[in-house]
């Protein structure tokens, strides 16, 4: 895991065209990482706005996620503190009820290699069902709500989260325990890790 190897891998991922034929907006891999990162955000896939800006979580979902974590943009976009690796690096397009799922080729080709270059990660925020299926394979079949409700079973190494999208406002209203029980622990842990 040399610096040269990390640089080469990041360059290769940014140049990836594996799913080009299936991407309506074309390939534009969006991620953020550095071997010193302490927190990993394992999300789904970039949305249209992120595809256009090239900045991960550069949308209302990112605003809510930063609030959940208790950090500002400066810390969030510092790759030496926070790595952001979605399950699919490119915007997959839009379906009938929102964005399409992340392209499966991406995780298969790159995820294990990239995670190997993040030895300092002490907390992984696992956001949404596709990320949960990858990072918590042995819990497949559990609902997202069940996994988030049982967050202490994974703590302090992993934290399952619902997607911070405004589309999940109904879920958040139905599950007030999330704000009351989960977020204080998340903010404290992130603050501790990023100060270290």
N, C-alpha and C. Protein backbone atom coordinates (compact mmCIF):
# COMPACT_ATOMS: atom_id res chain seq x y z
N UNK A 1 0.84 -1.19 0.00
CA UNK A 1 0.00 0.00 0.00
C UNK A 1 0.88 1.25 0.00
N UNK A 2 1.56 1.44 -1.10
CA UNK A 2 2.46 2.59 -1.21
C UNK A 2 1.71 3.81 -1.71
N UNK A 3 2.33 4.97 -1.54
CA UNK A 3 1.73 6.21 -2.04
C UNK A 3 1.57 6.14 -3.55
N UNK A 4 2.55 5.55 -4.22
CA UNK A 4 2.48 5.40 -5.68
C UNK A 4 1.31 4.50 -6.06
N UNK A 5 1.11 3.43 -5.31
CA UNK A 5 0.01 2.51 -5.59
C UNK A 5 -1.34 3.18 -5.38
N UNK A 6 -1.45 3.98 -4.32
CA UNK A 6 -2.69 4.70 -4.05
C UNK A 6 -2.99 5.69 -5.17
N UNK A 7 -1.98 6.45 -5.58
CA UNK A 7 -2.15 7.44 -6.65
C UNK A 7 -2.56 6.78 -7.95
N UNK A 8 -1.94 5.65 -8.27
CA UNK A 8 -2.26 4.93 -9.50
C UNK A 8 -3.69 4.40 -9.46
N UNK A 9 -4.10 3.85 -8.31
CA UNK A 9 -5.46 3.32 -8.19
C UNK A 9 -6.48 4.44 -8.35
N UNK A 10 -6.28 5.56 -7.66
CA UNK A 10 -7.21 6.69 -7.77
C UNK A 10 -7.30 7.17 -9.22
N UNK A 11 -6.17 7.23 -9.91
CA UNK A 11 -6.16 7.65 -11.32
C UNK A 11 -6.94 6.66 -12.19
N UNK A 12 -6.74 5.38 -11.94
CA UNK A 12 -7.44 4.36 -12.73
C UNK A 12 -8.96 4.41 -12.49
N UNK A 13 -9.37 4.63 -11.25
CA UNK A 13 -10.80 4.71 -10.96
C UNK A 13 -11.40 5.94 -11.62
N UNK A 14 -10.72 7.06 -11.57
CA UNK A 14 -11.24 8.28 -12.21
C UNK A 14 -11.36 8.13 -13.73
N UNK A 15 -10.55 7.25 -14.29
CA UNK A 15 -10.58 7.02 -15.74
C UNK A 15 -11.49 5.85 -16.13
N UNK A 16 -12.16 5.24 -15.14
CA UNK A 16 -12.96 4.04 -15.39
C UNK A 16 -14.10 4.32 -16.38
N UNK A 17 -14.30 3.37 -17.29
CA UNK A 17 -15.39 3.45 -18.27
C UNK A 17 -16.15 2.13 -18.36
N UNK A 18 -16.08 1.32 -17.29
CA UNK A 18 -16.71 0.00 -17.30
C UNK A 18 -18.18 0.01 -17.68
N UNK A 19 -18.93 0.97 -17.15
CA UNK A 19 -20.38 0.99 -17.36
C UNK A 19 -20.81 2.07 -18.35
N UNK A 20 -19.90 2.60 -19.10
CA UNK A 20 -20.18 3.76 -19.94
C UNK A 20 -21.45 3.59 -20.78
N UNK A 21 -21.64 2.42 -21.35
CA UNK A 21 -22.79 2.20 -22.23
C UNK A 21 -24.12 2.27 -21.48
N UNK A 22 -24.10 2.05 -20.17
CA UNK A 22 -25.34 2.04 -19.38
C UNK A 22 -25.60 3.36 -18.65
N UNK A 23 -24.71 4.32 -18.79
CA UNK A 23 -24.83 5.58 -18.05
C UNK A 23 -25.38 6.68 -18.95
N UNK A 24 -26.62 7.11 -18.72
CA UNK A 24 -27.24 8.11 -19.60
C UNK A 24 -26.51 9.44 -19.64
N UNK A 25 -25.84 9.81 -18.56
CA UNK A 25 -25.10 11.08 -18.53
C UNK A 25 -23.61 10.88 -18.77
N UNK A 26 -23.22 9.65 -19.04
CA UNK A 26 -21.81 9.36 -19.26
C UNK A 26 -21.07 9.13 -17.95
N UNK A 27 -19.85 8.59 -18.02
CA UNK A 27 -19.09 8.32 -16.82
C UNK A 27 -18.48 9.59 -16.23
N UNK A 28 -18.54 9.70 -14.93
CA UNK A 28 -17.83 10.73 -14.17
C UNK A 28 -17.71 10.21 -12.74
N UNK A 29 -16.71 9.37 -12.49
CA UNK A 29 -16.54 8.81 -11.15
C UNK A 29 -16.33 9.92 -10.10
N UNK A 30 -17.12 9.84 -9.04
CA UNK A 30 -17.06 10.83 -7.96
C UNK A 30 -16.80 10.09 -6.65
N UNK A 31 -15.69 10.40 -6.02
CA UNK A 31 -15.33 9.83 -4.73
C UNK A 31 -14.28 10.72 -4.08
N UNK A 32 -13.98 10.43 -2.82
CA UNK A 32 -12.96 11.18 -2.09
C UNK A 32 -12.29 10.22 -1.14
N UNK A 33 -10.96 10.19 -1.15
CA UNK A 33 -10.27 9.32 -0.21
C UNK A 33 -8.82 9.70 -0.05
N UNK A 34 -8.26 9.31 1.08
CA UNK A 34 -6.84 9.46 1.39
C UNK A 34 -6.52 8.39 2.43
N UNK A 35 -5.35 7.80 2.38
CA UNK A 35 -5.02 6.74 3.34
C UNK A 35 -5.11 7.15 4.81
N UNK A 36 -5.07 8.44 5.11
CA UNK A 36 -5.14 8.89 6.50
C UNK A 36 -6.58 9.07 7.01
N UNK A 37 -7.58 8.92 6.16
CA UNK A 37 -8.97 9.15 6.55
C UNK A 37 -9.35 8.29 7.76
N UNK A 38 -10.11 8.89 8.68
CA UNK A 38 -10.55 8.19 9.88
C UNK A 38 -12.01 7.73 9.78
N UNK A 39 -12.78 8.44 8.97
CA UNK A 39 -14.21 8.14 8.79
C UNK A 39 -14.45 7.80 7.33
N UNK A 40 -15.20 6.75 7.08
CA UNK A 40 -15.58 6.37 5.72
C UNK A 40 -17.08 6.50 5.57
N UNK A 41 -17.51 7.18 4.52
CA UNK A 41 -18.92 7.24 4.17
C UNK A 41 -19.13 6.30 2.98
N UNK A 42 -19.86 5.24 3.22
CA UNK A 42 -20.17 4.26 2.18
C UNK A 42 -21.60 4.51 1.74
N UNK A 43 -21.75 5.23 0.63
CA UNK A 43 -23.07 5.61 0.16
C UNK A 43 -23.54 4.77 -1.01
N UNK A 44 -24.49 5.33 -1.76
CA UNK A 44 -25.14 4.61 -2.86
C UNK A 44 -24.45 4.92 -4.19
N UNK A 45 -24.80 6.08 -4.77
CA UNK A 45 -24.23 6.54 -6.04
C UNK A 45 -24.52 8.03 -6.15
N UNK A 46 -23.72 8.75 -6.90
CA UNK A 46 -23.97 10.19 -7.06
C UNK A 46 -25.32 10.44 -7.74
N UNK A 47 -25.97 11.53 -7.36
CA UNK A 47 -27.16 11.98 -8.05
C UNK A 47 -26.79 12.91 -9.18
N UNK A 48 -27.80 13.43 -9.86
CA UNK A 48 -27.55 14.31 -11.02
C UNK A 48 -26.74 15.54 -10.64
N UNK A 49 -27.10 16.18 -9.52
CA UNK A 49 -26.39 17.39 -9.11
C UNK A 49 -24.92 17.12 -8.81
N UNK A 50 -24.66 16.00 -8.13
CA UNK A 50 -23.27 15.62 -7.83
C UNK A 50 -22.53 15.26 -9.12
N UNK A 51 -23.20 14.61 -10.03
CA UNK A 51 -22.59 14.31 -11.32
C UNK A 51 -22.13 15.60 -12.01
N UNK A 52 -22.97 16.62 -11.95
CA UNK A 52 -22.63 17.88 -12.60
C UNK A 52 -21.49 18.61 -11.90
N UNK A 53 -21.48 18.60 -10.57
CA UNK A 53 -20.45 19.35 -9.83
C UNK A 53 -19.15 18.55 -9.66
N UNK A 54 -19.27 17.22 -9.61
CA UNK A 54 -18.09 16.39 -9.35
C UNK A 54 -17.70 16.37 -7.88
N UNK A 55 -18.56 16.93 -7.01
CA UNK A 55 -18.28 17.01 -5.57
C UNK A 55 -19.26 16.08 -4.84
N UNK A 56 -18.76 15.09 -4.08
CA UNK A 56 -19.67 14.16 -3.41
C UNK A 56 -20.56 14.85 -2.38
N UNK A 57 -21.81 14.44 -2.33
CA UNK A 57 -22.79 14.98 -1.38
C UNK A 57 -22.90 16.50 -1.47
N UNK A 58 -22.80 17.02 -2.67
CA UNK A 58 -22.95 18.45 -2.91
C UNK A 58 -24.41 18.75 -3.24
N UNK A 59 -25.30 18.46 -2.26
CA UNK A 59 -26.73 18.55 -2.48
C UNK A 59 -27.43 18.56 -1.12
N UNK A 60 -28.75 18.64 -1.07
CA UNK A 60 -29.44 18.64 0.23
C UNK A 60 -29.14 17.39 1.08
N UNK A 61 -28.90 16.25 0.45
CA UNK A 61 -28.53 15.05 1.21
C UNK A 61 -27.23 15.28 1.98
N UNK A 62 -26.30 15.95 1.33
CA UNK A 62 -25.02 16.24 1.98
C UNK A 62 -25.17 17.21 3.14
N UNK A 63 -26.05 18.19 2.98
CA UNK A 63 -26.30 19.12 4.08
C UNK A 63 -26.82 18.38 5.30
N UNK A 64 -27.78 17.49 5.07
CA UNK A 64 -28.34 16.73 6.20
C UNK A 64 -27.30 15.78 6.78
N UNK A 65 -26.51 15.12 5.95
CA UNK A 65 -25.49 14.20 6.44
C UNK A 65 -24.46 14.94 7.29
N UNK A 66 -24.02 16.11 6.85
CA UNK A 66 -23.06 16.89 7.64
C UNK A 66 -23.68 17.29 8.99
N UNK A 67 -24.97 17.61 8.97
CA UNK A 67 -25.65 17.92 10.22
C UNK A 67 -25.70 16.69 11.13
N UNK A 68 -26.04 15.53 10.57
CA UNK A 68 -26.05 14.30 11.36
C UNK A 68 -24.68 14.04 12.00
N UNK A 69 -23.61 14.32 11.24
CA UNK A 69 -22.26 14.07 11.71
C UNK A 69 -21.75 15.16 12.65
N UNK A 70 -22.39 16.33 12.62
CA UNK A 70 -21.97 17.44 13.46
C UNK A 70 -20.70 18.11 12.98
N UNK A 71 -20.49 18.12 11.64
CA UNK A 71 -19.29 18.76 11.09
C UNK A 71 -19.67 19.69 9.94
N UNK A 72 -18.78 20.61 9.62
CA UNK A 72 -18.98 21.53 8.52
C UNK A 72 -18.35 21.02 7.23
N UNK A 73 -18.49 21.83 6.21
CA UNK A 73 -17.97 21.46 4.88
C UNK A 73 -16.45 21.28 4.89
N UNK A 74 -15.75 22.11 5.65
CA UNK A 74 -14.28 22.04 5.64
C UNK A 74 -13.79 20.67 6.09
N UNK A 75 -14.31 20.19 7.20
CA UNK A 75 -13.91 18.86 7.69
C UNK A 75 -14.43 17.75 6.77
N UNK A 76 -15.67 17.89 6.32
CA UNK A 76 -16.30 16.88 5.49
C UNK A 76 -15.53 16.68 4.18
N UNK A 77 -15.05 17.75 3.59
CA UNK A 77 -14.35 17.65 2.30
C UNK A 77 -12.84 17.58 2.44
N UNK A 78 -12.35 17.25 3.62
CA UNK A 78 -10.92 17.02 3.83
C UNK A 78 -10.69 15.51 3.70
N UNK A 79 -10.11 15.05 2.59
CA UNK A 79 -9.95 13.60 2.38
C UNK A 79 -9.04 12.95 3.42
N UNK A 80 -8.23 13.72 4.12
CA UNK A 80 -7.39 13.15 5.18
C UNK A 80 -8.21 12.83 6.42
N UNK A 81 -9.44 13.35 6.47
CA UNK A 81 -10.33 13.07 7.60
C UNK A 81 -11.47 12.14 7.19
N UNK A 82 -12.11 12.44 6.05
CA UNK A 82 -13.32 11.72 5.63
C UNK A 82 -13.13 11.16 4.22
N UNK A 83 -13.29 9.86 4.08
CA UNK A 83 -13.31 9.22 2.76
C UNK A 83 -14.77 9.02 2.37
N UNK A 84 -15.06 9.22 1.08
CA UNK A 84 -16.42 9.05 0.58
C UNK A 84 -16.35 8.10 -0.62
N UNK A 85 -16.83 6.88 -0.42
CA UNK A 85 -16.80 5.86 -1.48
C UNK A 85 -18.20 5.30 -1.68
N UNK A 86 -18.94 5.81 -2.65
CA UNK A 86 -20.26 5.23 -2.92
C UNK A 86 -20.12 3.85 -3.54
N UNK A 87 -21.20 3.10 -3.53
CA UNK A 87 -21.18 1.77 -4.13
C UNK A 87 -21.00 1.84 -5.65
N UNK A 88 -21.51 2.88 -6.24
CA UNK A 88 -21.29 3.16 -7.66
C UNK A 88 -20.73 4.57 -7.76
N UNK A 89 -19.67 4.76 -8.51
CA UNK A 89 -19.01 6.07 -8.55
C UNK A 89 -19.64 7.04 -9.54
N UNK A 90 -20.49 6.54 -10.42
CA UNK A 90 -21.10 7.40 -11.45
C UNK A 90 -22.62 7.47 -11.27
N UNK A 91 -23.18 8.58 -11.71
CA UNK A 91 -24.62 8.78 -11.67
C UNK A 91 -25.29 7.74 -12.57
N UNK A 92 -26.19 6.89 -12.02
CA UNK A 92 -26.76 5.80 -12.79
C UNK A 92 -27.97 6.18 -13.65
N UNK A 93 -28.48 7.40 -13.49
CA UNK A 93 -29.67 7.81 -14.22
C UNK A 93 -30.90 7.74 -13.32
N UNK A 94 -32.03 8.16 -13.87
CA UNK A 94 -33.26 8.24 -13.09
C UNK A 94 -34.27 7.21 -13.56
N UNK A 95 -34.96 6.61 -12.59
CA UNK A 95 -36.02 5.66 -12.88
C UNK A 95 -37.37 6.25 -12.53
N UNK A 96 -38.38 5.40 -12.36
CA UNK A 96 -39.74 5.86 -12.08
C UNK A 96 -39.88 6.53 -10.73
N UNK A 97 -39.13 6.06 -9.73
CA UNK A 97 -39.31 6.60 -8.38
C UNK A 97 -38.02 7.18 -7.81
N UNK A 98 -37.18 7.73 -8.65
CA UNK A 98 -35.92 8.31 -8.17
C UNK A 98 -34.75 7.77 -8.97
N UNK A 99 -33.56 8.00 -8.44
CA UNK A 99 -32.36 7.54 -9.13
C UNK A 99 -32.32 6.01 -9.19
N UNK A 100 -31.75 5.51 -10.26
CA UNK A 100 -31.57 4.07 -10.41
C UNK A 100 -30.54 3.55 -9.40
N UNK A 101 -30.50 2.25 -9.17
CA UNK A 101 -29.49 1.68 -8.26
C UNK A 101 -28.08 1.90 -8.79
N UNK A 102 -27.09 1.84 -7.92
CA UNK A 102 -25.70 1.93 -8.39
C UNK A 102 -25.39 0.78 -9.33
N UNK A 103 -24.58 1.04 -10.32
CA UNK A 103 -24.17 -0.01 -11.24
C UNK A 103 -23.33 -1.05 -10.48
N UNK A 104 -23.63 -2.34 -10.62
CA UNK A 104 -22.93 -3.36 -9.83
C UNK A 104 -21.47 -3.56 -10.26
N UNK A 105 -21.14 -3.19 -11.49
CA UNK A 105 -19.77 -3.40 -11.97
C UNK A 105 -18.75 -2.63 -11.12
N UNK A 106 -19.16 -1.49 -10.64
CA UNK A 106 -18.25 -0.59 -9.94
C UNK A 106 -17.68 -1.23 -8.68
N UNK A 107 -18.55 -1.67 -7.79
CA UNK A 107 -18.08 -2.27 -6.54
C UNK A 107 -17.25 -3.53 -6.81
N UNK A 108 -17.70 -4.32 -7.77
CA UNK A 108 -16.96 -5.54 -8.09
C UNK A 108 -15.55 -5.27 -8.59
N UNK A 109 -15.39 -4.20 -9.34
CA UNK A 109 -14.08 -3.89 -9.92
C UNK A 109 -13.16 -3.15 -8.96
N UNK A 110 -13.71 -2.29 -8.10
CA UNK A 110 -12.85 -1.35 -7.38
C UNK A 110 -12.93 -1.38 -5.86
N UNK A 111 -14.05 -1.77 -5.29
CA UNK A 111 -14.29 -1.51 -3.86
C UNK A 111 -13.23 -2.13 -2.94
N UNK A 112 -12.95 -3.39 -3.08
CA UNK A 112 -11.98 -4.05 -2.19
C UNK A 112 -10.60 -3.40 -2.31
N UNK A 113 -10.20 -3.08 -3.54
CA UNK A 113 -8.89 -2.43 -3.73
C UNK A 113 -8.83 -1.09 -3.01
N UNK A 114 -9.90 -0.31 -3.12
CA UNK A 114 -9.91 1.02 -2.52
C UNK A 114 -9.97 0.93 -1.00
N UNK A 115 -10.77 0.02 -0.47
CA UNK A 115 -10.86 -0.12 0.99
C UNK A 115 -9.52 -0.54 1.59
N UNK A 116 -8.72 -1.29 0.83
CA UNK A 116 -7.41 -1.70 1.31
C UNK A 116 -6.48 -0.51 1.53
N UNK A 117 -6.75 0.60 0.87
CA UNK A 117 -5.93 1.80 1.03
C UNK A 117 -6.47 2.73 2.11
N UNK A 118 -7.37 2.24 2.96
CA UNK A 118 -7.94 3.06 4.03
C UNK A 118 -7.71 2.38 5.39
N UNK A 119 -6.44 2.17 5.76
CA UNK A 119 -6.16 1.45 7.01
C UNK A 119 -6.52 2.22 8.27
N UNK A 120 -6.65 3.54 8.16
CA UNK A 120 -6.93 4.36 9.34
C UNK A 120 -8.39 4.54 9.67
N UNK A 121 -9.28 3.99 8.86
CA UNK A 121 -10.71 4.18 9.09
C UNK A 121 -11.12 3.50 10.40
N UNK A 122 -11.79 4.27 11.26
CA UNK A 122 -12.26 3.76 12.55
C UNK A 122 -13.79 3.72 12.63
N UNK A 123 -14.45 4.40 11.70
CA UNK A 123 -15.92 4.41 11.67
C UNK A 123 -16.37 4.45 10.22
N UNK A 124 -17.23 3.52 9.85
CA UNK A 124 -17.83 3.50 8.52
C UNK A 124 -19.31 3.77 8.64
N UNK A 125 -19.77 4.83 7.97
CA UNK A 125 -21.18 5.16 7.90
C UNK A 125 -21.75 4.46 6.68
N UNK A 126 -22.61 3.49 6.89
CA UNK A 126 -23.13 2.66 5.82
C UNK A 126 -24.53 3.18 5.49
N UNK A 127 -24.64 3.83 4.33
CA UNK A 127 -25.84 4.59 3.99
C UNK A 127 -26.65 3.89 2.90
N UNK A 128 -27.85 3.47 3.26
CA UNK A 128 -28.75 2.90 2.28
C UNK A 128 -28.57 1.41 2.07
N UNK A 129 -29.57 0.80 1.43
CA UNK A 129 -29.64 -0.65 1.31
C UNK A 129 -28.49 -1.27 0.52
N UNK A 130 -28.06 -0.62 -0.57
CA UNK A 130 -27.01 -1.22 -1.40
C UNK A 130 -25.69 -1.27 -0.64
N UNK A 131 -25.39 -0.22 0.10
CA UNK A 131 -24.17 -0.21 0.91
C UNK A 131 -24.29 -1.20 2.07
N UNK A 132 -25.48 -1.29 2.65
CA UNK A 132 -25.68 -2.26 3.73
C UNK A 132 -25.47 -3.69 3.23
N UNK A 133 -25.98 -3.99 2.04
CA UNK A 133 -25.83 -5.33 1.48
C UNK A 133 -24.37 -5.69 1.26
N UNK A 134 -23.53 -4.71 0.96
CA UNK A 134 -22.11 -4.97 0.73
C UNK A 134 -21.36 -5.09 2.06
N UNK A 135 -21.53 -4.11 2.92
CA UNK A 135 -20.74 -4.03 4.16
C UNK A 135 -21.26 -4.93 5.28
N UNK A 136 -22.52 -5.33 5.20
CA UNK A 136 -23.10 -6.20 6.22
C UNK A 136 -23.77 -7.39 5.54
N UNK A 137 -22.99 -8.10 4.74
CA UNK A 137 -23.51 -9.22 3.94
C UNK A 137 -24.27 -10.25 4.79
N UNK A 138 -23.78 -10.49 5.99
CA UNK A 138 -24.42 -11.51 6.83
C UNK A 138 -25.77 -11.07 7.37
N UNK A 139 -26.14 -9.80 7.17
CA UNK A 139 -27.43 -9.31 7.65
C UNK A 139 -28.43 -9.11 6.51
N UNK A 140 -28.10 -9.59 5.31
CA UNK A 140 -29.04 -9.44 4.20
C UNK A 140 -30.35 -10.10 4.57
N UNK A 141 -31.43 -9.42 4.27
CA UNK A 141 -32.75 -9.89 4.66
C UNK A 141 -33.32 -9.06 5.79
N UNK A 142 -32.44 -8.47 6.61
CA UNK A 142 -32.90 -7.53 7.62
C UNK A 142 -33.30 -6.24 6.92
N UNK A 143 -34.32 -5.58 7.41
CA UNK A 143 -34.70 -4.30 6.80
C UNK A 143 -33.72 -3.22 7.23
N UNK A 144 -33.67 -2.17 6.46
CA UNK A 144 -32.84 -1.04 6.80
C UNK A 144 -33.24 -0.51 8.18
N UNK A 145 -34.53 -0.39 8.43
CA UNK A 145 -34.99 0.11 9.72
C UNK A 145 -34.52 -0.79 10.86
N UNK A 146 -34.58 -2.10 10.68
CA UNK A 146 -34.11 -3.02 11.72
C UNK A 146 -32.63 -2.83 11.99
N UNK A 147 -31.84 -2.68 10.94
CA UNK A 147 -30.40 -2.52 11.13
C UNK A 147 -30.08 -1.20 11.80
N UNK A 148 -30.76 -0.12 11.40
CA UNK A 148 -30.51 1.17 12.03
C UNK A 148 -30.96 1.13 13.49
N UNK A 149 -32.11 0.50 13.75
CA UNK A 149 -32.61 0.40 15.12
C UNK A 149 -31.63 -0.38 16.00
N UNK A 150 -30.96 -1.38 15.43
CA UNK A 150 -29.99 -2.21 16.17
C UNK A 150 -28.55 -1.71 15.99
N UNK A 151 -28.39 -0.43 15.83
CA UNK A 151 -27.08 0.18 15.52
C UNK A 151 -26.00 -0.19 16.53
N UNK A 152 -26.36 -0.39 17.78
CA UNK A 152 -25.34 -0.69 18.80
C UNK A 152 -24.66 -2.04 18.55
N UNK A 153 -25.29 -2.91 17.77
CA UNK A 153 -24.68 -4.20 17.45
C UNK A 153 -23.46 -4.04 16.55
N UNK A 154 -23.36 -2.92 15.86
CA UNK A 154 -22.25 -2.69 14.92
C UNK A 154 -21.27 -1.64 15.43
N UNK A 155 -21.65 -0.95 16.45
CA UNK A 155 -20.93 0.20 17.00
C UNK A 155 -19.72 -0.27 17.80
N UNK A 156 -18.58 0.43 17.76
CA UNK A 156 -18.35 1.75 17.16
C UNK A 156 -17.67 1.70 15.80
N UNK A 157 -17.54 0.50 15.22
CA UNK A 157 -16.85 0.39 13.94
C UNK A 157 -17.73 0.78 12.75
N UNK A 158 -18.99 0.40 12.79
CA UNK A 158 -19.93 0.65 11.69
C UNK A 158 -21.20 1.28 12.23
N UNK A 159 -21.83 2.09 11.39
CA UNK A 159 -23.13 2.64 11.75
C UNK A 159 -24.03 2.60 10.52
N UNK A 160 -25.06 1.74 10.53
CA UNK A 160 -26.03 1.74 9.43
C UNK A 160 -26.89 2.99 9.52
N UNK A 161 -27.11 3.63 8.38
CA UNK A 161 -27.91 4.86 8.33
C UNK A 161 -28.92 4.81 7.20
N UNK A 162 -30.06 5.47 7.38
CA UNK A 162 -30.94 5.68 6.23
C UNK A 162 -30.28 6.71 5.32
N UNK A 163 -30.72 6.79 4.10
CA UNK A 163 -30.17 7.82 3.22
C UNK A 163 -30.63 9.18 3.72
N UNK A 164 -29.74 10.17 3.74
CA UNK A 164 -30.13 11.50 4.24
C UNK A 164 -30.94 12.33 3.25
N UNK A 165 -31.40 11.73 2.18
CA UNK A 165 -32.18 12.43 1.17
C UNK A 165 -33.48 12.99 1.75
N UNK A 166 -33.92 14.14 1.24
CA UNK A 166 -35.24 14.64 1.63
C UNK A 166 -36.36 13.64 1.34
N UNK A 167 -36.14 12.70 0.44
CA UNK A 167 -37.14 11.65 0.16
C UNK A 167 -37.41 10.79 1.39
N UNK A 168 -36.51 10.82 2.36
CA UNK A 168 -36.67 10.01 3.56
C UNK A 168 -37.26 10.80 4.73
N UNK A 169 -37.83 11.95 4.47
CA UNK A 169 -38.44 12.74 5.56
C UNK A 169 -39.53 11.94 6.27
N UNK A 170 -40.30 11.16 5.53
CA UNK A 170 -41.37 10.37 6.15
C UNK A 170 -40.77 9.33 7.09
N UNK A 171 -39.70 8.66 6.66
CA UNK A 171 -39.03 7.67 7.52
C UNK A 171 -38.56 8.34 8.81
N UNK A 172 -37.95 9.51 8.69
CA UNK A 172 -37.43 10.20 9.87
C UNK A 172 -38.55 10.59 10.83
N UNK A 173 -39.70 11.00 10.29
CA UNK A 173 -40.84 11.35 11.14
C UNK A 173 -41.41 10.12 11.84
N UNK A 174 -41.40 8.99 11.15
CA UNK A 174 -41.93 7.76 11.74
C UNK A 174 -40.99 7.14 12.76
N UNK A 175 -39.73 7.54 12.74
CA UNK A 175 -38.72 6.94 13.61
C UNK A 175 -37.98 8.00 14.42
N UNK A 176 -38.67 8.68 15.34
CA UNK A 176 -38.04 9.77 16.09
C UNK A 176 -36.88 9.31 16.98
N UNK A 177 -36.82 8.01 17.29
CA UNK A 177 -35.72 7.46 18.07
C UNK A 177 -34.37 7.66 17.38
N UNK A 178 -34.39 7.75 16.03
CA UNK A 178 -33.14 7.92 15.29
C UNK A 178 -32.46 9.23 15.70
N UNK A 179 -33.20 10.31 15.68
CA UNK A 179 -32.66 11.61 16.06
C UNK A 179 -32.28 11.63 17.54
N UNK A 180 -33.09 11.03 18.37
CA UNK A 180 -32.90 11.07 19.82
C UNK A 180 -31.77 10.14 20.29
N UNK A 181 -31.71 8.92 19.71
CA UNK A 181 -30.80 7.90 20.24
C UNK A 181 -29.51 7.73 19.44
N UNK A 182 -29.61 7.84 18.12
CA UNK A 182 -28.47 7.53 17.27
C UNK A 182 -27.57 8.74 17.02
N UNK A 183 -28.16 9.87 16.68
CA UNK A 183 -27.35 11.02 16.26
C UNK A 183 -26.42 11.57 17.33
N UNK A 184 -26.80 11.63 18.60
CA UNK A 184 -25.82 12.12 19.58
C UNK A 184 -24.54 11.27 19.62
N UNK A 185 -24.70 9.95 19.55
CA UNK A 185 -23.53 9.07 19.54
C UNK A 185 -22.69 9.26 18.29
N UNK A 186 -23.36 9.42 17.15
CA UNK A 186 -22.64 9.65 15.89
C UNK A 186 -21.82 10.93 15.98
N UNK A 187 -22.43 12.00 16.43
CA UNK A 187 -21.72 13.29 16.51
C UNK A 187 -20.52 13.22 17.45
N UNK A 188 -20.72 12.56 18.58
CA UNK A 188 -19.62 12.45 19.54
C UNK A 188 -18.47 11.63 18.96
N UNK A 189 -18.79 10.53 18.30
CA UNK A 189 -17.73 9.67 17.75
C UNK A 189 -16.99 10.36 16.61
N UNK A 190 -17.72 11.00 15.72
CA UNK A 190 -17.07 11.71 14.61
C UNK A 190 -16.18 12.82 15.16
N UNK A 191 -16.69 13.58 16.11
CA UNK A 191 -15.89 14.65 16.70
C UNK A 191 -14.61 14.12 17.31
N UNK A 192 -14.70 13.02 18.04
CA UNK A 192 -13.53 12.41 18.66
C UNK A 192 -12.52 11.94 17.63
N UNK A 193 -13.00 11.28 16.59
CA UNK A 193 -12.09 10.75 15.56
C UNK A 193 -11.41 11.85 14.77
N UNK A 194 -12.14 12.90 14.47
CA UNK A 194 -11.55 13.96 13.64
C UNK A 194 -10.63 14.87 14.43
N UNK A 195 -10.74 14.86 15.74
CA UNK A 195 -9.80 15.62 16.58
C UNK A 195 -8.51 14.84 16.80
N UNK A 196 -8.59 13.52 16.69
CA UNK A 196 -7.44 12.67 17.00
C UNK A 196 -6.30 12.91 16.03
